C-alpha atoms as a PDB file:
ATOM      1  CA  SER A   1     126.741  -5.136 135.081  1.00  0.00           C
ATOM      2  CA  LYS A   2     125.242  -3.818 131.693  1.00  0.00           C
ATOM      3  CA  GLN A   3     126.191  -5.492 128.455  1.00  0.00           C
ATOM      4  CA  TRP A   4     124.959  -5.238 124.683  1.00  0.00           C
ATOM      5  CA  TYR A   5     125.110  -7.862 122.188  1.00  0.00           C
ATOM      6  CA  GLN A   6     126.919  -7.277 118.555  1.00  0.00           C
ATOM      7  CA  ARG A   7     127.184 -10.258 116.224  1.00  0.00           C
ATOM      8  CA  ARG A   8     130.524 -10.645 114.855  1.00  0.00           C
ATOM      9  CA  VAL A   9     130.406 -11.194 110.847  1.00  0.00           C
ATOM     10  CA  ALA A  10     134.339 -10.650 110.389  1.00  0.00           C
ATOM     11  CA  ILE A  11     134.581 -13.791 107.938  1.00  0.00           C
ATOM     12  CA  THR A  12     131.004 -13.744 106.446  1.00  0.00           C
ATOM     13  CA  ALA A  13     130.920 -10.034 105.688  1.00  0.00           C
ATOM     14  CA  GLY A  14     133.957  -8.603 105.567  1.00  0.00           C
ATOM     15  CA  ASN A  15     134.282  -6.695 108.432  1.00  0.00           C
ATOM     16  CA  THR A  16     135.192  -7.146 112.416  1.00  0.00           C
ATOM     17  CA  HIS A  17     133.974  -5.851 115.469  1.00  0.00           C
ATOM     18  CA  CYS A  18     136.739  -3.551 116.094  1.00  0.00           C
ATOM     19  CA  ASP A  19     136.064  -0.400 114.268  1.00  0.00           C
ATOM     20  CA  ARG A  20     135.349   3.238 114.936  1.00  0.00           C
ATOM     21  CA  ASN A  21     131.714   2.684 115.358  1.00  0.00           C
ATOM     22  CA  PHE A  22     132.109  -0.020 118.160  1.00  0.00           C
ATOM     23  CA  LEU A  23     134.871   1.907 119.718  1.00  0.00           C
ATOM     24  CA  GLU A  24     132.290   4.746 119.858  1.00  0.00           C
ATOM     25  CA  ASN A  25     129.173   2.649 121.226  1.00  0.00           C
ATOM     26  CA  VAL A  26     131.849   1.153 124.036  1.00  0.00           C
ATOM     27  CA  PHE A  27     132.658   4.730 124.869  1.00  0.00           C
ATOM     28  CA  VAL A  28     129.283   5.773 125.372  1.00  0.00           C
ATOM     29  CA  TYR A  29     128.228   2.901 127.149  1.00  0.00           C
ATOM     30  CA  LEU A  30     130.905   3.185 129.726  1.00  0.00           C
ATOM     31  CA  GLU A  31     130.319   6.922 130.034  1.00  0.00           C
ATOM     32  CA  GLU A  32     126.553   5.682 131.311  1.00  0.00           C
ATOM     33  CA  MET A  33     127.883   2.836 133.447  1.00  0.00           C
ATOM     34  CA  LYS A  34     131.671   1.806 134.544  1.00  0.00           C
ATOM     35  CA  GLU A  35     130.436  -1.851 134.184  1.00  0.00           C
ATOM     36  CA  ALA A  36     129.323  -2.026 130.936  1.00  0.00           C
ATOM     37  CA  ILE A  37     130.907  -4.641 128.646  1.00  0.00           C
ATOM     38  CA  ALA A  38     130.536  -5.724 124.819  1.00  0.00           C
ATOM     39  CA  VAL A  39     129.621  -9.046 124.091  1.00  0.00           C
ATOM     40  CA  ILE A  40     130.719 -10.274 120.902  1.00  0.00           C
ATOM     41  CA  TYR A  41     129.683 -13.705 119.154  1.00  0.00           C
ATOM     42  CA  ASP A  42     130.908 -15.409 115.960  1.00  0.00           C
ATOM     43  CA  PRO A  43     128.222 -17.579 114.431  1.00  0.00           C
ATOM     44  CA  LEU A  44     130.497 -18.792 111.683  1.00  0.00           C
ATOM     45  CA  LYS A  45     132.908 -20.278 114.193  1.00  0.00           C
ATOM     46  CA  THR A  46     130.191 -21.593 116.509  1.00  0.00           C
ATOM     47  CA  LYS A  47     128.467 -23.174 113.121  1.00  0.00           C
ATOM     48  CA  LEU A  48     131.915 -25.267 112.832  1.00  0.00           C
ATOM     49  CA  GLY A  49     131.482 -26.579 116.405  1.00  0.00           C
ATOM     50  CA  ASN A  50     133.195 -24.020 118.825  1.00  0.00           C
ATOM     51  CA  LEU A  51     131.268 -21.752 120.661  1.00  0.00           C
ATOM     52  CA  ASN A  52     133.098 -18.541 120.601  1.00  0.00           C
ATOM     53  CA  ILE A  53     131.588 -15.691 122.724  1.00  0.00           C
ATOM     54  CA  ARG A  54     134.183 -12.890 123.867  1.00  0.00           C
ATOM     55  CA  ALA A  55     133.596  -9.643 125.985  1.00  0.00           C
ATOM     56  CA  PHE A  56     135.486  -6.651 125.623  1.00  0.00           C
ATOM     57  CA  LYS A  57     135.707  -3.153 127.196  1.00  0.00           C
ATOM     58  CA  LEU A  58     137.712   0.016 126.598  1.00  0.00           C
ATOM     59  CA  SER A  59     140.868   0.230 128.522  1.00  0.00           C
ATOM     60  CA  LEU A  60     141.392   2.898 130.954  1.00  0.00           C
ATOM     61  CA  PRO A  61     143.979   4.806 129.072  1.00  0.00           C
ATOM     62  CA  ALA A  62     141.859   4.485 125.941  1.00  0.00           C
ATOM     63  CA  PHE A  63     138.768   5.850 127.453  1.00  0.00           C
ATOM     64  CA  ARG A  64     140.354   8.662 129.287  1.00  0.00           C
ATOM     65  CA  LEU A  65     142.172   9.744 125.921  1.00  0.00           C
ATOM     66  CA  TYR A  66     139.041   9.479 123.708  1.00  0.00           C
ATOM     67  CA  ARG A  67     137.104  11.634 126.125  1.00  0.00           C
ATOM     68  CA  GLU A  68     139.656  14.322 125.564  1.00  0.00           C
ATOM     69  CA  GLU A  69     139.891  14.134 121.763  1.00  0.00           C
ATOM     70  CA  LYS A  70     138.082  11.724 119.540  1.00  0.00           C
ATOM     71  CA  ASP A  71     141.269  11.334 117.508  1.00  0.00           C
ATOM     72  CA  PHE A  72     144.818  10.164 118.339  1.00  0.00           C
ATOM     73  CA  THR A  73     147.726  11.645 117.525  1.00  0.00           C
ATOM     74  CA  ALA A  74     151.255  10.003 117.687  1.00  0.00           C
ATOM     75  CA  THR A  75     152.026  11.942 120.685  1.00  0.00           C
ATOM     76  CA  MET A  76     149.009  11.025 122.451  1.00  0.00           C
ATOM     77  CA  LEU A  77     149.924   7.514 121.952  1.00  0.00           C
ATOM     78  CA  LYS A  78     153.350   7.924 123.308  1.00  0.00           C
ATOM     79  CA  ASP A  79     152.311   9.950 126.266  1.00  0.00           C
ATOM     80  CA  ASN A  80     149.444   7.305 127.335  1.00  0.00           C
ATOM     81  CA  SER A  81     151.582   4.302 126.202  1.00  0.00           C
ATOM     82  CA  LEU A  82     148.524   3.363 124.346  1.00  0.00           C
ATOM     83  CA  THR A  83     148.947   0.690 121.326  1.00  0.00           C
ATOM     84  CA  PHE A  84     146.684  -1.905 119.418  1.00  0.00           C
ATOM     85  CA  GLU A  85     147.565  -4.337 122.172  1.00  0.00           C
ATOM     86  CA  ASN A  86     146.011  -2.381 125.156  1.00  0.00           C
ATOM     87  CA  LEU A  87     143.336  -0.330 123.259  1.00  0.00           C
ATOM     88  CA  PHE A  88     140.985  -2.969 124.338  1.00  0.00           C
ATOM     89  CA  LYS A  89     140.630  -5.294 127.774  1.00  0.00           C
ATOM     90  CA  GLU A  90     139.044  -8.555 127.186  1.00  0.00           C
ATOM     91  CA  ILE A  91     136.862  -9.870 129.999  1.00  0.00           C
ATOM     92  CA  PRO A  92     136.957 -13.649 130.681  1.00  0.00           C
ATOM     93  CA  VAL A  93     133.704 -15.287 129.387  1.00  0.00           C
ATOM     94  CA  MET A  94     132.665 -18.515 131.531  1.00  0.00           C
ATOM     95  CA  VAL A  95     129.478 -20.277 130.298  1.00  0.00           C
ATOM     96  CA  LYS A  96     127.537 -22.427 132.963  1.00  0.00           C
ATOM     97  CA  ASN A  97     124.688 -24.613 132.664  1.00  0.00           C
ATOM     98  CA  SER A  98     122.367 -25.990 135.194  1.00  0.00           C
ATOM     99  CA  ALA A  99     122.840 -29.395 136.659  1.00  0.00           C
ATOM    100  CA  LEU A 100     119.429 -30.846 134.852  1.00  0.00           C
ATOM    101  CA  THR A 101     121.238 -29.229 131.378  1.00  0.00           C
ATOM    102  CA  ASN A 102     124.658 -30.898 132.503  1.00  0.00           C
ATOM    103  CA  VAL A 103     122.719 -34.417 132.986  1.00  0.00           C
ATOM    104  CA  LEU A 104     121.168 -33.871 129.399  1.00  0.00           C
ATOM    105  CA  LEU A 105     124.014 -33.408 127.686  1.00  0.00           C
ATOM    106  CA  CYS A 106     126.051 -36.221 129.367  1.00  0.00           C
ATOM    107  CA  GLU A 107     122.888 -38.551 128.518  1.00  0.00           C
ATOM    108  CA  ILE A 108     123.086 -37.387 124.764  1.00  0.00           C
ATOM    109  CA  ASP A 109     126.684 -37.609 124.361  1.00  0.00           C
ATOM    110  CA  ARG A 110     126.574 -41.309 125.823  1.00  0.00           C
ATOM    111  CA  ILE A 111     123.427 -42.242 123.536  1.00  0.00           C
ATOM    112  CA  GLN A 112     125.341 -40.783 120.075  1.00  0.00           C
ATOM    113  CA  GLU A 113     128.238 -41.588 119.225  1.00  0.00           C
ATOM    114  CA  SER A 114     130.685 -38.609 118.815  1.00  0.00           C
ATOM    115  CA  THR A 115     132.726 -38.347 116.189  1.00  0.00           C
ATOM    116  CA  ALA A 116     133.771 -34.549 116.706  1.00  0.00           C
ATOM    117  CA  CYS A 117     137.385 -35.357 117.487  1.00  0.00           C
ATOM    118  CA  LEU A 118     137.765 -36.736 114.084  1.00  0.00           C
ATOM    119  CA  THR A 119     136.391 -33.853 112.345  1.00  0.00           C
ATOM    120  CA  LEU A 120     138.818 -32.375 110.184  1.00  0.00           C
ATOM    121  CA  PRO A 121     139.337 -28.247 110.052  1.00  0.00           C
ATOM    122  CA  THR A 122     137.412 -26.589 106.966  1.00  0.00           C
ATOM    123  CA  SER A 123     139.657 -24.869 104.753  1.00  0.00           C
ATOM    124  CA  SER A 124     136.999 -22.500 103.910  1.00  0.00           C
ATOM    125  CA  TYR A 125     137.451 -20.701 107.198  1.00  0.00           C
ATOM    126  CA  LEU A 126     141.304 -20.703 106.994  1.00  0.00           C
ATOM    127  CA  GLU A 127     140.985 -19.274 103.325  1.00  0.00           C
ATOM    128  CA  LYS A 128     138.568 -16.618 104.269  1.00  0.00           C
ATOM    129  CA  SER A 129     140.338 -15.464 107.210  1.00  0.00           C
ATOM    130  CA  MET A 130     143.472 -15.538 105.429  1.00  0.00           C
ATOM    131  CA  GLN A 131     141.814 -13.152 102.737  1.00  0.00           C
ATOM    132  CA  MET A 132     140.443 -10.677 105.849  1.00  0.00           C
ATOM    133  CA  LEU A 133     144.121 -10.621 107.069  1.00  0.00           C
ATOM    134  CA  LEU A 134     145.372  -9.514 103.578  1.00  0.00           C
ATOM    135  CA  SER A 135     142.615  -6.810 103.259  1.00  0.00           C
ATOM    136  CA  GLY A 136     143.718  -5.631 106.819  1.00  0.00           C
ATOM    137  CA  LEU A 137     147.438  -5.555 105.688  1.00  0.00           C
ATOM    138  CA  ASP A 138     146.452  -3.672 102.587  1.00  0.00           C
ATOM    139  CA  GLU A 139     145.104  -0.941 105.125  1.00  0.00           C
ATOM    140  CA  VAL A 140     147.678  -0.887 107.159  1.00  0.00           C
ATOM    141  CA  ASN A 141     149.908  -0.165 104.057  1.00  0.00           C
ATOM    142  CA  GLN A 142     147.725   2.700 103.003  1.00  0.00           C
ATOM    143  CA  ASP A 143     147.926   4.300 106.455  1.00  0.00           C
ATOM    144  CA  LEU A 144     151.773   3.810 106.313  1.00  0.00           C
ATOM    145  CA  GLN A 145     151.636   5.557 102.913  1.00  0.00           C
ATOM    146  CA  LYS A 146     149.808   8.516 104.670  1.00  0.00           C
ATOM    147  CA  ILE A 147     152.121   8.846 107.318  1.00  0.00           C
ATOM    148  CA  ASN A 148     155.289   8.913 105.258  1.00  0.00           C
ATOM    149  CA  LEU A 149     153.438  11.703 103.113  1.00  0.00           C
ATOM    150  CA  HIS A 150     152.780  13.654 106.352  1.00  0.00           C
ATOM    151  CA  GLN A 151     156.136  13.297 107.362  1.00  0.00           C
ATOM    152  CA  ARG A 152     157.699  14.391 104.139  1.00  0.00           C
ATOM    153  CA  ASN A 153     155.517  17.465 104.172  1.00  0.00           C
ATOM    154  CA  VAL A 154     156.703  18.251 107.585  1.00  0.00           C
ATOM    155  CA  TYR A 155     160.227  17.862 106.820  1.00  0.00           C
ATOM    156  CA  LYS A 156     159.720  20.006 103.660  1.00  0.00           C
ATOM    157  CA  GLN A 157     158.356  22.909 105.719  1.00  0.00           C
ATOM    158  CA  GLN A 158     160.883  22.418 108.155  1.00  0.00           C
ATOM    159  CA  GLN A 159     163.668  23.029 105.737  1.00  0.00           C
ATOM    160  CA  GLN A 160     161.689  26.104 103.999  1.00  0.00           C
ATOM    161  CA  LEU A 161     161.609  27.411 107.382  1.00  0.00           C
ATOM    162  CA  LEU A 162     165.353  27.287 108.088  1.00  0.00           C
ATOM    163  CA  GLN A 163     166.637  28.311 104.627  1.00  0.00           C
ATOM    164  CA  ASN A 164     164.567  31.630 105.237  1.00  0.00           C
ATOM    165  CA  VAL A 165     166.136  32.415 108.514  1.00  0.00           C
ATOM    166  CA  GLN A 166     169.693  31.640 107.189  1.00  0.00           C
ATOM    167  CA  LYS A 167     168.854  33.771 104.244  1.00  0.00           C
ATOM    168  CA  ARG A 168     167.599  36.714 106.507  1.00  0.00           C
ATOM    169  CA  LYS A 169     171.002  36.101 108.649  1.00  0.00           C
ATOM    170  CA  ILE A 170     173.151  36.208 105.626  1.00  0.00           C
ATOM    171  CA  GLU A 171     171.247  39.332 104.415  1.00  0.00           C
ATOM    172  CA  ASN A 172     171.870  41.341 107.642  1.00  0.00           C
ATOM    173  CA  ALA A 173     175.428  40.107 107.715  1.00  0.00           C
ATOM    174  CA  GLN A 174     176.016  41.756 104.742  1.00  0.00           C
ATOM    175  CA  ARG A 175     174.236  44.788 105.382  1.00  0.00           C
ATOM    176  CA  GLU A 176     176.304  45.392 108.543  1.00  0.00           C
ATOM    177  CA  LYS A 177     179.480  45.037 106.468  1.00  0.00           C
ATOM    178  CA  ASP A 178     178.088  47.715 104.296  1.00  0.00           C
ATOM    179  CA  GLY A 179     177.105  50.312 107.361  1.00  0.00           C
ATOM    180  CA  LEU A 180     173.592  49.429 106.835  1.00  0.00           C
ATOM    181  CA  ASN A 181     170.844  48.814 109.467  1.00  0.00           C
ATOM    182  CA  PRO A 182     170.261  44.987 109.934  1.00  0.00           C
ATOM    183  CA  LEU A 183     166.519  43.842 108.792  1.00  0.00           C
ATOM    184  CA  PRO A 184     164.420  43.199 111.646  1.00  0.00           C
ATOM    185  CA  GLU A 185     164.054  39.353 112.592  1.00  0.00           C
ATOM    186  CA  GLU A 186     160.794  38.248 111.253  1.00  0.00           C
ATOM    187  CA  ASP A 187     158.713  34.914 112.835  1.00  0.00           C
ATOM    188  CA  PHE A 188     158.913  32.565 109.728  1.00  0.00           C
ATOM    189  CA  SER A 189     157.147  30.217 111.620  1.00  0.00           C
ATOM    190  CA  LYS A 190     153.815  32.036 111.250  1.00  0.00           C
ATOM    191  CA  GLN A 191     154.673  31.886 107.185  1.00  0.00           C
ATOM    192  CA  PHE A 192     155.569  28.258 107.294  1.00  0.00           C
ATOM    193  CA  LYS A 193     153.011  26.412 109.409  1.00  0.00           C
ATOM    194  CA  PRO A 194     153.655  22.798 109.755  1.00  0.00           C
ATOM    195  CA  PRO A 195     150.688  20.231 108.704  1.00  0.00           C
ATOM    196  CA  PRO A 196     148.484  19.516 111.315  1.00  0.00           C
ATOM    197  CA  PRO A 197     149.060  16.250 113.427  1.00  0.00           C
ATOM    198  CA  LEU A 198     147.971  13.056 111.336  1.00  0.00           C
ATOM    199  CA  GLY A 199     145.288  11.038 113.301  1.00  0.00           C
ATOM    200  CA  ARG A 200     146.394   7.855 114.590  1.00  0.00           C
ATOM    201  CA  LEU A 201     143.142   6.312 115.521  1.00  0.00           C
ATOM    202  CA  GLU A 202     142.365   4.240 112.219  1.00  0.00           C
ATOM    203  CA  PRO A 203     145.901   2.867 112.204  1.00  0.00           C
ATOM    204  CA  LEU A 204     145.502   1.584 115.689  1.00  0.00           C
ATOM    205  CA  LEU A 205     142.198  -0.026 115.063  1.00  0.00           C
ATOM    206  CA  SER A 206     143.413  -1.507 111.658  1.00  0.00           C
ATOM    207  CA  SER A 207     146.422  -2.982 113.788  1.00  0.00           C
ATOM    208  CA  ASN A 208     143.891  -4.494 116.411  1.00  0.00           C
ATOM    209  CA  ARG A 209     141.957  -6.240 113.718  1.00  0.00           C
ATOM    210  CA  ILE A 210     144.971  -7.775 112.152  1.00  0.00           C
ATOM    211  CA  ALA A 211     145.962  -9.219 115.792  1.00  0.00           C
ATOM    212  CA  ALA A 212     142.488 -10.547 116.009  1.00  0.00           C
ATOM    213  CA  HIS A 213     142.555 -12.125 112.532  1.00  0.00           C
ATOM    214  CA  CYS A 214     146.063 -13.715 113.332  1.00  0.00           C
ATOM    215  CA  GLU A 215     144.949 -15.242 116.743  1.00  0.00           C
ATOM    216  CA  MET A 216     141.899 -16.711 114.938  1.00  0.00           C
ATOM    217  CA  ILE A 217     144.204 -18.166 112.363  1.00  0.00           C
ATOM    218  CA  GLU A 218     146.394 -19.387 114.980  1.00  0.00           C
ATOM    219  CA  GLU A 219     143.872 -21.155 116.869  1.00  0.00           C
ATOM    220  CA  HIS A 220     142.086 -22.547 114.192  1.00  0.00           C
ATOM    221  CA  VAL A 221     145.365 -24.001 112.789  1.00  0.00           C
ATOM    222  CA  ARG A 222     146.477 -25.132 116.190  1.00  0.00           C
ATOM    223  CA  ASN A 223     143.188 -27.184 117.042  1.00  0.00           C
ATOM    224  CA  GLY A 224     143.415 -28.944 113.785  1.00  0.00           C
ATOM    225  CA  ILE A 225     146.927 -29.678 112.982  1.00  0.00           C
ATOM    226  CA  GLY A 226     146.827 -32.889 115.383  1.00  0.00           C
ATOM    227  CA  LYS A 227     143.667 -34.333 113.323  1.00  0.00           C
ATOM    228  CA  LEU A 228     145.554 -33.342 110.030  1.00  0.00           C
ATOM    229  CA  TYR A 229     148.840 -35.454 111.296  1.00  0.00           C
ATOM    230  CA  LEU A 230     146.207 -38.254 112.457  1.00  0.00           C
ATOM    231  CA  ALA A 231     144.632 -38.583 109.273  1.00  0.00           C
ATOM    232  CA  ASP A 232     147.798 -38.441 107.377  1.00  0.00           C
ATOM    233  CA  SER A 233     148.932 -41.408 109.193  1.00  0.00           C
ATOM    234  CA  PHE A 234     145.694 -43.252 108.723  1.00  0.00           C
ATOM    235  CA  MET A 235     145.629 -42.360 104.851  1.00  0.00           C
ATOM    236  CA  SER A 236     149.632 -43.693 104.541  1.00  0.00           C
END
């Protein structure tokens, strides 16, 4: 299979791997080779003692839809049952060492006194993760404001169209009473065109990033909560 590597700097640089550029790269590689995957490496989490390597590829519905249209509308997402949860497909990663490497690691572990199980989770990682989560929520809030504004504009156009149609019907009814020929029916839809559909790709990516941050925070807290309870019992 064909892979490419991207260093994840979600915490250190204020960005995540799931953005429009990443989506475009995944799409281009998948067009060239169906087995292509993206390997994501988190250096900060690895520095804390947890090797973090993940692999992703674009899901089949997202790949087909992106090939037809570079920005998604709400109708497209609904017709293809596409959400932020199935936008990407994660590929399981298994790291294997040679027999000699395993022997060496066992020997090092036997010689050195291991204290990793007693290392408490760092608050800096959790703090930065929360900051990125709040930043992502701000992005989603801005996207929701754009969607609400677009819906109000669509509703306003529809009301203006209905008002003009109703007005023409009232005028023709009055002209018939006066013995006059009715006015021709006009296609007011040409005069009151609805706003173009709002793209939903960026909100979809923002939701995917928020889900990733929540997953990172949950995993970090889950791995450290037992150690914190143990440390608290020792201190008390």
